[in-house]
Protein backbone atom coordinates (compact mmCIF):
# COMPACT_ATOMS: atom_id res chain seq x y z
CA UNK A 1 -36.47 19.62 18.92
CA UNK A 2 -34.71 16.62 20.48
CA UNK A 3 -35.91 14.21 17.78
CA UNK A 4 -34.96 16.67 15.06
CA UNK A 5 -31.47 17.08 16.53
CA UNK A 6 -30.99 13.31 16.70
CA UNK A 7 -32.16 13.01 13.09
CA UNK A 8 -29.67 15.68 11.96
CA UNK A 9 -26.83 13.96 13.87
CA UNK A 10 -27.81 10.63 12.29
CA UNK A 11 -27.82 12.14 8.80
CA UNK A 12 -24.44 13.82 9.43
CA UNK A 13 -22.91 10.56 10.66
CA UNK A 14 -24.31 8.69 7.65
CA UNK A 15 -22.89 11.27 5.23
CA UNK A 16 -19.55 11.14 7.04
CA UNK A 17 -19.49 7.34 6.88
CA UNK A 18 -20.33 7.36 3.16
CA UNK A 19 -17.63 9.99 2.48
CA UNK A 20 -14.97 8.00 4.34
CA UNK A 21 -16.02 4.77 2.60
CA UNK A 22 -15.83 6.44 -0.83
CA UNK A 23 -12.40 7.86 0.00
CA UNK A 24 -11.09 4.47 1.06
CA UNK A 25 -12.51 2.75 -2.03
CA UNK A 26 -11.08 5.45 -4.30
CA UNK A 27 -7.61 5.21 -2.75
CA UNK A 28 -7.68 1.40 -2.86
CA UNK A 29 -8.48 1.38 -6.57
CA UNK A 30 -5.34 3.39 -7.34
CA UNK A 31 -3.03 0.56 -6.38
CA UNK A 32 -1.82 -1.27 -9.44
CA UNK A 33 0.82 -3.96 -9.33
CA UNK A 34 3.91 -2.83 -11.26
CA UNK A 35 4.35 -6.03 -13.21
CA UNK A 36 5.94 -4.74 -16.44
CA UNK A 37 5.25 -8.08 -18.11
CA UNK A 38 6.16 -7.02 -21.63
CA UNK A 39 9.32 -5.20 -20.54
CA UNK A 40 10.45 -8.17 -18.46
CA UNK A 41 9.95 -10.55 -21.41
CA UNK A 42 11.96 -8.25 -23.69
CA UNK A 43 14.66 -8.02 -21.05
CA UNK A 44 14.78 -11.82 -20.79
CA UNK A 45 15.24 -12.04 -24.56
CA UNK A 46 18.17 -9.61 -24.45
CA UNK A 47 19.68 -11.50 -21.50
CA UNK A 48 19.54 -14.72 -23.52
CA UNK A 49 21.52 -13.09 -26.29
CA UNK A 50 24.03 -11.42 -23.94
CA UNK A 51 24.30 -14.20 -21.35
CA UNK A 52 27.97 -14.94 -22.02
CA UNK A 53 28.78 -11.31 -21.24
CA UNK A 54 26.45 -11.12 -18.19
CA UNK A 55 27.87 -14.26 -16.59
CA UNK A 56 31.36 -12.72 -16.45
CA UNK A 57 30.20 -10.15 -13.86
CA UNK A 58 30.53 -10.69 -10.13
CA UNK A 59 28.23 -8.66 -7.84
CA UNK A 60 28.49 -5.68 -10.13
CA UNK A 61 26.17 -2.72 -9.51
CA UNK A 62 24.95 -1.24 -12.78
CA UNK A 63 22.59 1.55 -13.74
CA UNK A 64 19.15 0.22 -14.59
CA UNK A 65 18.33 0.33 -18.26
CA UNK A 66 14.75 -0.73 -17.54
CA UNK A 67 11.65 0.82 -15.90
CA UNK A 68 12.29 -1.39 -12.89
CA UNK A 69 15.18 -2.40 -10.66
CA UNK A 70 16.49 -5.93 -10.94
CA UNK A 71 19.18 -8.42 -9.99
CA UNK A 72 20.56 -11.34 -11.97
CA UNK A 73 21.72 -14.59 -10.37
CA UNK A 74 23.33 -17.62 -11.94
CA UNK A 75 22.07 -21.13 -11.18
CA UNK A 76 24.39 -21.44 -8.17
CA UNK A 77 22.77 -18.35 -6.62
CA UNK A 78 25.84 -16.18 -7.27
CA UNK A 79 24.91 -12.53 -7.74
CA UNK A 80 26.04 -11.30 -11.14
CA UNK A 81 24.57 -7.79 -11.46
CA UNK A 82 22.09 -5.62 -9.56
CA UNK A 83 20.68 -2.13 -10.04
CA UNK A 84 19.78 -1.05 -6.50
CA UNK A 85 21.57 -1.57 -3.20
CA UNK A 86 18.53 -2.72 -1.22
CA UNK A 87 17.21 -5.16 -3.84
CA UNK A 88 16.94 -8.85 -2.97
CA UNK A 89 20.23 -10.55 -3.84
CA UNK A 90 19.11 -14.13 -3.30
CA UNK A 91 16.09 -16.25 -4.12
CA UNK A 92 15.17 -16.47 -0.45
CA UNK A 93 15.23 -12.70 -0.01
CA UNK A 94 13.29 -12.23 -3.27
CA UNK A 95 10.61 -14.65 -2.12
CA UNK A 96 10.38 -12.90 1.24
CA UNK A 97 9.99 -9.50 -0.48
CA UNK A 98 7.36 -10.85 -2.93
CA UNK A 99 9.65 -9.94 -5.84
CA UNK A 100 9.10 -11.29 -9.35
CA UNK A 101 11.45 -14.17 -10.17
CA UNK A 102 11.88 -15.30 -13.77
CA UNK A 103 14.11 -17.98 -15.24
CA UNK A 104 16.70 -17.02 -17.84
CA UNK A 105 16.88 -19.67 -20.54
CA UNK A 106 19.57 -20.12 -23.16
CA UNK A 107 19.07 -22.89 -25.75
CA UNK A 108 16.28 -24.42 -23.67
CA UNK A 109 18.41 -24.66 -20.51
CA UNK A 110 17.87 -22.52 -17.42
CA UNK A 111 21.12 -20.66 -16.81
CA UNK A 112 20.10 -18.03 -14.28
CA UNK A 113 17.36 -16.04 -12.61
CA UNK A 114 16.11 -12.49 -13.05
CA UNK A 115 14.76 -10.92 -9.86
CA UNK A 116 12.55 -7.87 -10.45
CA UNK A 117 11.94 -5.53 -7.52
CA UNK A 118 8.22 -5.54 -6.69
CA UNK A 119 7.06 -2.32 -5.07
CA UNK A 120 3.61 -3.71 -4.26
CA UNK A 121 4.47 -4.24 -0.59
CA UNK A 122 5.49 -0.57 -0.24
CA UNK A 123 2.25 0.54 -1.89
CA UNK A 124 0.18 -1.67 0.40
CA UNK A 125 1.97 -0.26 3.45
CA UNK A 126 1.28 3.30 2.35
CA UNK A 127 -2.37 2.39 1.70
CA UNK A 128 -2.62 0.92 5.20
CA UNK A 129 -1.22 4.13 6.68
CA UNK A 130 -3.80 6.21 4.77
CA UNK A 131 -6.53 3.85 5.95
CA UNK A 132 -5.48 4.17 9.59
CA UNK A 133 -5.41 7.98 9.24
CA UNK A 134 -8.90 7.98 7.70
CA UNK A 135 -10.24 5.77 10.48
CA UNK A 136 -8.58 7.93 13.16
CA UNK A 137 -10.07 11.11 11.67
CA UNK A 138 -13.50 9.46 11.54
CA UNK A 139 -13.26 8.40 15.17
CA UNK A 140 -12.16 11.89 16.24
CA UNK A 141 -15.06 13.50 14.36
CA UNK A 142 -17.49 11.02 15.91
CA UNK A 143 -16.11 11.76 19.37
CA UNK A 144 -16.52 15.50 18.80
CA UNK A 145 -20.11 15.00 17.64
CA UNK A 146 -20.94 12.71 20.57
CA UNK A 147 -19.33 15.13 23.05
CA UNK A 148 -21.33 18.01 21.62
CA UNK A 149 -24.49 15.91 21.85
CA UNK A 150 -23.81 14.95 25.49
CA UNK A 151 -23.21 18.61 26.36
CA UNK A 152 -26.47 19.47 24.61
CA UNK A 153 -28.34 16.82 26.63
CA UNK A 154 -26.65 17.87 29.88
CA UNK A 155 -27.50 21.53 29.25
CA UNK A 156 -31.17 20.70 28.59
CA UNK A 157 -31.39 18.47 31.68
CA UNK A 158 -29.87 21.23 33.84
CA UNK A 159 -32.29 23.78 32.39
CA UNK A 160 -35.17 21.44 33.12
CA UNK A 161 -33.97 20.99 36.72
CA UNK A 162 -33.58 24.75 37.18
CA UNK A 163 -37.02 25.36 35.71
CA UNK A 164 -38.51 22.69 38.00
CA UNK A 165 -36.80 24.23 41.04
CA UNK A 166 -38.03 27.75 40.21
CA UNK A 167 -41.58 26.46 39.83
CA UNK A 168 -41.50 24.93 43.32
């Protein structure tokens, strides 16, 4: 009985471990970097054509006409337009936030920078939270199983002591 119980507990723990591992792998495969490469290139082409109009703005918040939020800086680092209040408004902030930074060229000369908000960091943080929750649940389940097993062992040891005392 004792060996069979240990075998069942081992099988249950193995199945639990496999289930948690599959969950973590499945959730990790859902994360896709929102790069929007084609859309960004098209946007850069339109910015080239409209640069003389864009450069007249000064820290102007506009509604995003793209699938992503962005900011546009001139070569001096002056903010021209942005689409979201908490977007990086400088190259330093964009680099810190792992945002996408692309040069805006007009007639072969770099005239400004397009900063595209990269939500990858937010997705990684949410994945880490899910991972911590999965690990915590696994540990709690393991503790419950181990506690039940220790109570089982304790009960059988007590019964054996009682049986030994009654035989004396």
